[in-house]
Amino acid sequence: MTDVPFGFGFGPHRDEPEGSSGSGSSGSGDLPFGPGFGLPGGGIPDDLAGKAPLFAALQQMLSQQSGPVNWDLAKQMAVSALAAGHRAPTPVERTQVAEAIRLADHWLDPATPLPSGVTGIESWSRVEWVERTLPAWSQLCDPVASRVVGAMSQMVPEEAAAEAGPLLGMVGQVGGLMFGAQVGQALAKLASEVLTSTDVGLPLGPAGVAALLPDNVAAFGQGLELPADEVRLFLALREAAYHRLFKHVPWLRQRLFDAVDAYARGITVDREAIERAMSEVNPEDPESMQRALQGGMFEPSVTPDQQAALARLETLLALVEGWVDDVVATAAVDRLPGAEALRETLRRRRATGGPAEQTFATLVGLELRPRRLREAATLWRTLRERRGAEGRDELWRHPDLLPSADDLDDPEGFIRRSGETGELDAGSAG
């Protein structure tokens, strides 16, 4: 079973008419919530709120929510989970990061014609990573969450509207609360693992701001038997390379996010599974909300459009990382003795379920296969060897010029079909 957005599992798919409450409905007039949610007027009694702090703040959290995910709650939960080990980078660490990124950016100049994309350099604590990347996570998660939250809002039968009272309008907000809790937990875990602002293959931080997380970089370097400054510089090369690409390929960021949105539009919600889960939620037991999220609630449809969206996203992410891999390898050769070992370590980290792969698998059911990443890097290297760095990077000028998923399997064929191989062979023959 594949997990989706931060704790919501894919459940058995059932084709139901739009607006149907499912065959598992508890009957006319019954609300899809357990004991306590049928409170008069939909409010929370003072004595109950005092016993359960989570619900004491519920009204305030709901009033602050806008959109399908309660991002205030997500941030609070993530920061709270990270608070115990929070440590701000020291001045020495900030200097080390700044020097590494400036040197890395200089080394990249001969490796790609794309100019620097770095306009600012920062060192982040784990809490700062959460704060600085939250807007991007909102854009990624909201399309998926809106499908589930919308389905929850439609679950209350029309004949029960009079009984539900104000609670009817709260159903969607409660769903947003649940998503917020799940996102917050996931971000806290991810913040303990990510190394840079682009570690998941997307520009999650502010545009142009290159950032490393010193605590996580130090933990990553343990056991590698390489100097700490060499590890830091290699990661700085990757960070600076990502920023060059996202800065000077203006359509790239939105195209990646649009692929996630296209996938989300095809999600099919299992109304019966949601109804069963909601029937187990009890305000007197805050943990019941968490348990309700563990069952299957929805699954991705297998429509051609959604499969195409996933294929586009997977291929584009592989092309981005493969390009970074080739550019960094070119820049680091003869400069960093441990570059190849670090390159392979990062590949294995992704292959064994590192933060990027786990995040995307959780978010959109997407698993980034190492085979795709390696083949993308091979394709970009082949292009560079045949056309030079300028010929390789020219393909980023327009999305229609990029290799397809099939081209990753046959880089030589891609070059041949593009017409460049014939010209090069003719030139060499003369």
Protein backbone atom coordinates (compact mmCIF):
# COMPACT_ATOMS: atom_id res chain seq x y z
CA MET A 1 0.00 0.00 0.00
CA THR A 2 1.36 3.40 -0.95
CA ASP A 3 1.08 6.26 1.47
CA VAL A 4 0.02 9.69 0.33
CA PRO A 5 0.05 13.14 1.78
CA PHE A 6 1.68 12.73 5.14
CA GLY A 7 -0.15 9.83 6.70
CA PHE A 8 -3.19 9.44 4.44
CA GLY A 9 -3.02 5.91 3.03
CA PHE A 10 -4.33 4.85 -0.34
CA GLY A 11 -7.48 2.79 0.20
CA PRO A 12 -9.48 0.51 -2.06
CA HIS A 13 -10.91 2.44 -4.96
CA ARG A 14 -14.66 2.55 -5.42
CA ASP A 15 -16.39 4.25 -8.29
CA GLU A 16 -19.28 6.17 -6.79
CA PRO A 17 -21.63 8.71 -8.30
CA GLU A 18 -20.58 12.29 -7.66
CA GLY A 19 -22.08 13.51 -4.43
CA SER A 20 -22.79 9.99 -3.13
CA SER A 21 -22.17 9.43 0.53
CA GLY A 22 -21.28 5.82 -0.11
CA SER A 23 -22.97 2.57 0.74
CA GLY A 24 -21.38 2.72 4.16
CA SER A 25 -23.46 5.70 5.23
CA SER A 26 -24.75 5.42 8.74
CA GLY A 27 -28.23 6.41 7.64
CA SER A 28 -30.42 9.41 7.17
CA GLY A 29 -29.69 12.16 9.64
CA ASP A 30 -26.53 10.56 11.08
CA LEU A 31 -23.33 12.57 10.97
CA PRO A 32 -20.08 10.91 9.89
CA PHE A 33 -18.41 11.64 13.24
CA GLY A 34 -18.05 9.76 16.48
CA PRO A 35 -19.29 10.63 19.95
CA GLY A 36 -18.96 14.26 20.90
CA PHE A 37 -18.99 15.78 17.42
CA GLY A 38 -22.76 16.03 17.50
CA LEU A 39 -22.54 18.80 20.09
CA PRO A 40 -25.40 21.33 20.04
CA GLY A 41 -24.42 24.15 17.74
CA GLY A 42 -21.15 22.43 16.88
CA GLY A 43 -19.28 24.10 19.76
CA ILE A 44 -16.77 22.71 22.27
CA PRO A 45 -17.84 22.79 25.97
CA ASP A 46 -15.49 24.61 28.34
CA ASP A 47 -15.04 21.61 30.62
CA LEU A 48 -14.07 19.38 27.69
CA ALA A 49 -11.69 21.97 26.31
CA GLY A 50 -9.97 22.13 29.68
CA LYS A 51 -9.42 18.37 29.66
CA ALA A 52 -8.11 18.27 26.10
CA PRO A 53 -5.75 21.16 25.25
CA LEU A 54 -5.85 20.24 21.57
CA PHE A 55 -9.55 20.99 21.42
CA ALA A 56 -9.22 24.02 23.69
CA ALA A 57 -7.36 25.71 20.83
CA LEU A 58 -9.51 24.18 18.10
CA GLN A 59 -11.85 27.11 17.71
CA GLN A 60 -8.98 29.56 17.38
CA MET A 61 -7.12 27.36 14.90
CA LEU A 62 -10.21 26.93 12.75
CA SER A 63 -10.89 30.65 12.70
CA GLN A 64 -7.35 31.32 11.46
CA GLN A 65 -7.45 28.71 8.71
CA SER A 66 -7.65 29.64 5.06
CA GLY A 67 -7.34 27.00 2.36
CA PRO A 68 -7.47 23.21 2.59
CA VAL A 69 -4.54 22.87 5.03
CA ASN A 70 -4.20 24.61 8.39
CA TRP A 71 -0.67 25.88 7.84
CA ASP A 72 -0.53 27.68 11.18
CA LEU A 73 -0.97 24.33 12.90
CA ALA A 74 1.51 22.65 10.54
CA LYS A 75 4.17 25.22 11.42
CA GLN A 76 3.43 25.03 15.14
CA MET A 77 3.70 21.24 15.18
CA ALA A 78 6.91 21.19 13.15
CA VAL A 79 8.59 23.85 15.27
CA SER A 80 7.43 22.15 18.47
CA ALA A 81 8.86 18.81 17.36
CA LEU A 82 12.21 20.44 16.52
CA ALA A 83 12.41 22.69 19.58
CA ALA A 84 14.31 20.28 21.81
CA GLY A 85 17.27 20.00 19.46
CA HIS A 86 17.12 23.52 18.05
CA ARG A 87 20.46 25.25 17.55
CA ALA A 88 21.12 28.31 15.46
CA PRO A 89 24.22 28.21 13.23
CA THR A 90 27.25 29.84 14.78
CA PRO A 91 29.05 32.81 13.15
CA VAL A 92 31.89 30.45 12.21
CA GLU A 93 29.46 28.08 10.48
CA ARG A 94 27.82 30.93 8.62
CA THR A 95 31.22 32.06 7.37
CA GLN A 96 32.13 28.54 6.30
CA VAL A 97 28.88 28.15 4.33
CA ALA A 98 29.25 31.55 2.67
CA GLU A 99 32.82 30.83 1.61
CA ALA A 100 31.91 27.38 0.30
CA ILE A 101 29.03 28.64 -1.84
CA ARG A 102 31.06 31.54 -3.26
CA LEU A 103 33.91 29.20 -4.20
CA ALA A 104 31.47 26.64 -5.62
CA ASP A 105 29.80 29.28 -7.76
CA HIS A 106 33.22 30.25 -9.12
CA TRP A 107 34.04 26.63 -9.95
CA LEU A 108 30.76 26.24 -11.82
CA ASP A 109 31.51 29.05 -14.28
CA PRO A 110 33.48 26.90 -16.76
CA ALA A 111 31.14 23.92 -16.26
CA THR A 112 28.00 25.62 -17.62
CA PRO A 113 27.20 28.74 -19.63
CA LEU A 114 24.30 29.45 -17.27
CA PRO A 115 25.44 32.31 -15.03
CA SER A 116 25.17 32.35 -11.26
CA GLY A 117 21.68 32.22 -9.81
CA VAL A 118 22.74 32.98 -6.25
CA THR A 119 21.64 36.38 -4.95
CA GLY A 120 21.93 35.58 -1.24
CA ILE A 121 23.65 33.06 1.02
CA GLU A 122 22.23 31.80 4.30
CA SER A 123 22.85 29.13 6.92
CA TRP A 124 19.66 27.62 8.29
CA SER A 125 18.76 25.81 11.44
CA ARG A 126 16.17 23.07 11.07
CA VAL A 127 13.45 25.40 12.34
CA GLU A 128 14.53 28.05 9.82
CA TRP A 129 14.27 25.49 7.02
CA VAL A 130 10.63 24.88 7.98
CA GLU A 131 9.88 28.59 8.09
CA ARG A 132 11.65 29.42 4.83
CA THR A 133 10.19 26.55 2.79
CA LEU A 134 6.60 26.61 4.09
CA PRO A 135 5.23 28.69 1.16
CA ALA A 136 6.51 26.13 -1.35
CA TRP A 137 5.09 23.23 0.63
CA SER A 138 1.76 25.01 0.65
CA GLN A 139 1.77 25.15 -3.12
CA LEU A 140 2.67 21.46 -3.32
CA CYS A 141 0.24 20.12 -0.72
CA ASP A 142 -2.85 22.28 -1.18
CA PRO A 143 -4.01 20.69 -4.47
CA VAL A 144 -3.98 17.19 -2.95
CA ALA A 145 -5.48 18.29 0.36
CA SER A 146 -8.29 20.19 -1.30
CA ARG A 147 -9.57 16.99 -2.91
CA VAL A 148 -9.82 15.15 0.40
CA VAL A 149 -11.11 18.08 2.43
CA GLY A 150 -13.70 18.81 -0.25
CA ALA A 151 -14.92 15.24 -0.11
CA MET A 152 -15.24 15.42 3.68
CA SER A 153 -17.35 18.56 3.39
CA GLN A 154 -19.73 16.78 1.01
CA MET A 155 -20.16 13.74 3.24
CA VAL A 156 -22.84 15.18 5.56
CA PRO A 157 -26.19 14.14 4.03
CA GLU A 158 -28.45 17.00 2.98
CA GLU A 159 -31.24 15.72 5.23
CA ALA A 160 -28.87 16.05 8.20
CA ALA A 161 -28.02 19.70 7.55
CA ALA A 162 -30.58 21.02 10.06
CA GLU A 163 -29.23 18.77 12.79
CA ALA A 164 -25.63 19.55 11.96
CA GLY A 165 -26.08 23.30 12.35
CA PRO A 166 -22.79 25.22 12.38
CA LEU A 167 -20.89 21.93 12.43
CA LEU A 168 -21.63 21.52 8.73
CA GLY A 169 -19.44 24.48 7.96
CA MET A 170 -16.66 23.15 10.22
CA VAL A 171 -16.21 19.79 8.51
CA GLY A 172 -13.85 21.11 5.87
CA GLN A 173 -11.89 23.04 8.48
CA VAL A 174 -11.51 19.93 10.62
CA GLY A 175 -10.09 18.18 7.55
CA GLY A 176 -7.65 21.06 7.13
CA LEU A 177 -6.70 20.65 10.77
CA MET A 178 -5.94 16.99 10.20
CA PHE A 179 -3.83 17.72 7.15
CA GLY A 180 -2.01 20.44 9.06
CA ALA A 181 -1.10 18.01 11.81
CA GLN A 182 0.21 15.46 9.33
CA VAL A 183 2.18 18.00 7.30
CA GLY A 184 3.73 19.43 10.45
CA GLN A 185 4.97 16.03 11.58
CA ALA A 186 6.39 15.26 8.15
CA LEU A 187 8.17 18.60 7.84
CA ALA A 188 9.79 18.13 11.25
CA LYS A 189 11.18 14.77 10.16
CA LEU A 190 12.34 16.11 6.83
CA ALA A 191 13.99 19.12 8.47
CA SER A 192 16.24 16.73 10.39
CA GLU A 193 17.57 15.21 7.16
CA VAL A 194 17.73 17.80 4.37
CA LEU A 195 21.14 19.27 3.59
CA THR A 196 20.33 22.27 1.40
CA SER A 197 17.40 24.36 0.18
CA THR A 198 17.17 22.23 -2.98
CA ASP A 199 17.77 18.81 -1.47
CA VAL A 200 14.43 17.44 -2.69
CA GLY A 201 15.06 18.57 -6.26
CA LEU A 202 12.75 21.59 -6.07
CA PRO A 203 13.45 25.26 -5.27
CA LEU A 204 11.71 25.21 -1.89
CA GLY A 205 13.33 28.32 -0.45
CA PRO A 206 13.24 31.96 -1.54
CA ALA A 207 14.42 32.54 -5.12
CA GLY A 208 18.17 33.00 -5.37
CA VAL A 209 18.89 32.20 -1.71
CA ALA A 210 21.46 29.42 -1.49
CA ALA A 211 21.38 27.76 1.91
CA LEU A 212 22.96 24.86 3.77
CA LEU A 213 21.93 23.38 7.13
CA PRO A 214 25.20 23.03 9.10
CA ASP A 215 23.83 20.55 11.66
CA ASN A 216 22.55 18.20 8.97
CA VAL A 217 25.66 18.61 6.82
CA ALA A 218 27.82 17.63 9.80
CA ALA A 219 25.65 14.56 10.49
CA PHE A 220 25.79 13.56 6.82
CA GLY A 221 29.58 13.79 6.80
CA GLN A 222 30.06 11.52 9.79
CA GLY A 223 31.53 8.19 8.80
CA LEU A 224 32.46 9.29 5.28
CA GLU A 225 36.15 9.63 6.19
CA LEU A 226 36.36 12.87 4.22
CA PRO A 227 37.33 16.35 5.41
CA ALA A 228 34.35 18.38 6.56
CA ASP A 229 35.23 21.29 4.27
CA GLU A 230 35.28 18.95 1.27
CA VAL A 231 31.82 17.60 2.08
CA ARG A 232 30.53 21.14 2.57
CA LEU A 233 32.01 22.33 -0.72
CA PHE A 234 30.56 19.43 -2.68
CA LEU A 235 27.07 20.15 -1.30
CA ALA A 236 27.60 23.85 -2.03
CA LEU A 237 28.36 22.95 -5.65
CA ARG A 238 25.07 21.11 -5.94
CA GLU A 239 23.15 23.93 -4.28
CA ALA A 240 24.68 26.59 -6.53
CA ALA A 241 24.08 24.45 -9.63
CA TYR A 242 20.38 24.05 -8.80
CA HIS A 243 20.05 27.81 -8.39
CA ARG A 244 21.64 28.45 -11.78
CA LEU A 245 19.15 26.14 -13.44
CA PHE A 246 16.03 27.42 -11.68
CA LYS A 247 17.08 31.06 -12.13
CA HIS A 248 17.82 30.89 -15.84
CA VAL A 249 15.17 28.37 -16.91
CA PRO A 250 12.16 30.50 -15.89
CA TRP A 251 9.49 27.98 -16.88
CA LEU A 252 11.01 25.06 -14.93
CA ARG A 253 9.73 25.69 -11.41
CA GLN A 254 6.12 26.23 -12.43
CA ARG A 255 6.17 23.22 -14.72
CA LEU A 256 7.21 20.97 -11.84
CA PHE A 257 4.52 22.35 -9.56
CA ASP A 258 1.92 22.13 -12.34
CA ALA A 259 2.66 18.42 -12.71
CA VAL A 260 1.83 17.91 -9.02
CA ASP A 261 -1.38 19.89 -9.46
CA ALA A 262 -2.36 17.86 -12.53
CA TYR A 263 -1.89 14.67 -10.56
CA ALA A 264 -3.98 16.01 -7.66
CA ARG A 265 -6.89 16.84 -9.95
CA GLY A 266 -7.23 13.13 -10.75
CA ILE A 267 -7.38 11.89 -7.16
CA THR A 268 -10.39 9.74 -6.38
CA VAL A 269 -11.62 9.86 -2.80
CA ASP A 270 -12.94 6.76 -1.07
CA ARG A 271 -15.92 8.24 0.73
CA GLU A 272 -16.70 5.07 2.65
CA ALA A 273 -13.17 4.93 4.06
CA ILE A 274 -13.35 8.56 5.16
CA GLU A 275 -16.73 8.00 6.78
CA ARG A 276 -15.44 4.99 8.68
CA ALA A 277 -12.38 6.93 9.83
CA MET A 278 -14.40 9.94 10.95
CA SER A 279 -16.79 7.74 12.94
CA GLU A 280 -13.84 6.81 15.13
CA VAL A 281 -12.88 10.39 16.02
CA ASN A 282 -13.76 11.30 19.60
CA PRO A 283 -13.05 14.79 21.02
CA GLU A 284 -12.40 13.23 24.45
CA ASP A 285 -9.54 11.25 22.92
CA PRO A 286 -7.20 13.52 20.89
CA GLU A 287 -5.22 10.50 19.71
CA SER A 288 -8.32 9.19 17.97
CA MET A 289 -7.80 11.85 15.29
CA GLN A 290 -4.32 10.53 14.61
CA ARG A 291 -5.57 6.93 14.49
CA ALA A 292 -8.29 7.91 12.03
CA LEU A 293 -5.65 9.04 9.58
CA GLN A 294 -3.86 5.70 9.48
CA GLY A 295 -6.45 3.86 7.38
CA GLY A 296 -6.92 4.06 3.64
CA MET A 297 -8.81 7.19 2.65
CA PHE A 298 -8.20 7.66 -1.03
CA GLU A 299 -6.23 6.41 -3.94
CA PRO A 300 -4.94 7.94 -7.13
CA SER A 301 -7.03 7.18 -10.16
CA VAL A 302 -5.30 5.45 -13.00
CA THR A 303 -6.60 7.69 -15.75
CA PRO A 304 -4.31 8.34 -18.70
CA ASP A 305 -4.14 12.04 -17.78
CA GLN A 306 -2.96 11.31 -14.26
CA GLN A 307 -0.46 8.72 -15.38
CA ALA A 308 0.88 11.25 -17.88
CA ALA A 309 1.20 13.87 -15.13
CA LEU A 310 3.21 11.49 -12.97
CA ALA A 311 5.41 10.51 -15.90
CA ARG A 312 6.12 14.17 -16.71
CA LEU A 313 6.98 14.93 -13.10
CA GLU A 314 9.24 11.92 -12.69
CA THR A 315 11.06 12.57 -15.95
CA LEU A 316 11.53 16.27 -15.32
CA LEU A 317 12.86 15.68 -11.81
CA ALA A 318 15.28 13.10 -13.18
CA LEU A 319 16.46 15.53 -15.86
CA VAL A 320 17.00 18.29 -13.29
CA GLU A 321 19.01 16.09 -10.95
CA GLY A 322 20.88 14.44 -13.79
CA TRP A 323 21.94 17.85 -15.11
CA VAL A 324 23.12 18.93 -11.66
CA ASP A 325 25.00 15.65 -11.32
CA ASP A 326 26.88 16.18 -14.58
CA VAL A 327 27.65 19.85 -14.00
CA VAL A 328 28.93 19.24 -10.48
CA ALA A 329 31.03 16.28 -11.62
CA THR A 330 32.63 18.48 -14.27
CA ALA A 331 33.32 21.30 -11.84
CA ALA A 332 34.72 19.05 -9.11
CA VAL A 333 37.01 16.90 -11.24
CA ASP A 334 40.69 17.39 -10.29
CA ARG A 335 39.57 19.69 -7.46
CA LEU A 336 37.82 17.49 -4.90
CA PRO A 337 39.46 14.09 -4.39
CA GLY A 338 36.36 12.73 -2.68
CA ALA A 339 33.88 14.04 -5.26
CA GLU A 340 33.11 10.67 -6.84
CA ALA A 341 32.62 9.02 -3.46
CA LEU A 342 30.27 11.82 -2.38
CA ARG A 343 28.42 11.58 -5.67
CA GLU A 344 27.82 7.87 -5.16
CA THR A 345 26.86 8.36 -1.51
CA LEU A 346 24.13 10.81 -2.49
CA ARG A 347 22.87 8.44 -5.17
CA ARG A 348 22.65 5.59 -2.66
CA ARG A 349 20.96 7.91 -0.19
CA ARG A 350 18.21 8.56 -2.71
CA ALA A 351 17.98 4.91 -3.74
CA THR A 352 17.48 3.72 -0.17
CA GLY A 353 14.68 6.15 0.58
CA GLY A 354 16.31 9.45 1.47
CA PRO A 355 14.29 12.56 2.23
CA ALA A 356 13.56 13.51 -1.37
CA GLU A 357 12.21 10.13 -2.41
CA GLN A 358 10.23 9.69 0.81
CA THR A 359 8.72 13.15 0.48
CA PHE A 360 7.55 12.71 -3.08
CA ALA A 361 6.30 9.18 -2.46
CA THR A 362 4.28 10.54 0.45
CA LEU A 363 3.11 13.62 -1.37
CA VAL A 364 2.09 12.33 -4.78
CA GLY A 365 2.74 8.59 -4.81
CA LEU A 366 5.88 9.26 -6.85
CA GLU A 367 9.02 7.24 -6.35
CA LEU A 368 12.16 8.60 -7.96
CA ARG A 369 13.90 5.56 -9.35
CA PRO A 370 17.69 5.64 -9.17
CA ARG A 371 17.79 4.10 -12.65
CA ARG A 372 16.12 7.21 -14.04
CA LEU A 373 18.54 9.52 -12.26
CA ARG A 374 21.60 7.63 -13.43
CA GLU A 375 20.37 7.47 -17.00
CA ALA A 376 19.53 11.18 -16.98
CA ALA A 377 23.07 11.95 -15.83
CA THR A 378 24.42 9.69 -18.57
CA LEU A 379 22.33 11.48 -21.18
CA TRP A 380 23.53 14.93 -20.11
CA ARG A 381 27.15 13.73 -20.02
CA THR A 382 26.81 12.30 -23.52
CA LEU A 383 25.32 15.57 -24.77
CA ARG A 384 28.20 17.52 -23.21
CA GLU A 385 30.79 15.23 -24.77
CA ARG A 386 29.18 15.56 -28.22
CA ARG A 387 28.02 19.19 -28.19
CA GLY A 388 29.91 20.87 -25.39
CA ALA A 389 28.38 22.52 -22.34
CA GLU A 390 26.61 25.17 -24.44
CA GLY A 391 25.00 22.56 -26.70
CA ARG A 392 23.90 20.55 -23.68
CA ASP A 393 22.35 23.49 -21.87
CA GLU A 394 20.66 24.83 -24.99
CA LEU A 395 18.00 22.15 -24.48
CA TRP A 396 16.71 24.00 -21.41
CA ARG A 397 15.67 26.89 -23.65
CA HIS A 398 12.22 25.33 -24.17
CA PRO A 399 10.46 22.35 -22.58
CA ASP A 400 9.74 20.83 -25.98
CA LEU A 401 13.47 20.44 -26.58
CA LEU A 402 14.05 18.28 -23.49
CA PRO A 403 14.54 14.52 -23.72
CA SER A 404 11.53 12.32 -23.00
CA ALA A 405 11.33 9.30 -20.72
CA ASP A 406 12.09 7.07 -23.71
CA ASP A 407 15.13 9.18 -24.54
CA LEU A 408 16.60 8.42 -21.11
CA ASP A 409 16.85 4.80 -22.22
CA ASP A 410 18.59 5.71 -25.47
CA PRO A 411 20.77 8.84 -25.20
CA GLU A 412 22.63 8.04 -28.40
CA GLY A 413 19.33 7.70 -30.22
CA PHE A 414 18.16 11.03 -28.86
CA ILE A 415 21.25 12.78 -30.18
CA ARG A 416 20.91 11.01 -33.50
CA ARG A 417 17.23 11.92 -33.82
CA SER A 418 17.95 15.52 -32.97
CA GLY A 419 20.13 15.72 -36.08
CA GLU A 420 23.31 16.72 -34.30
CA THR A 421 25.15 13.40 -34.57
CA GLY A 422 25.06 13.40 -38.33
CA GLU A 423 26.60 16.87 -38.48
CA LEU A 424 29.34 15.96 -36.03
CA ASP A 425 30.18 12.75 -37.85
CA ALA A 426 30.33 14.61 -41.16
CA GLY A 427 32.69 17.16 -39.70
CA SER A 428 35.01 14.53 -38.24
CA ALA A 429 35.04 12.58 -41.53
CA GLY A 430 36.23 15.63 -43.38
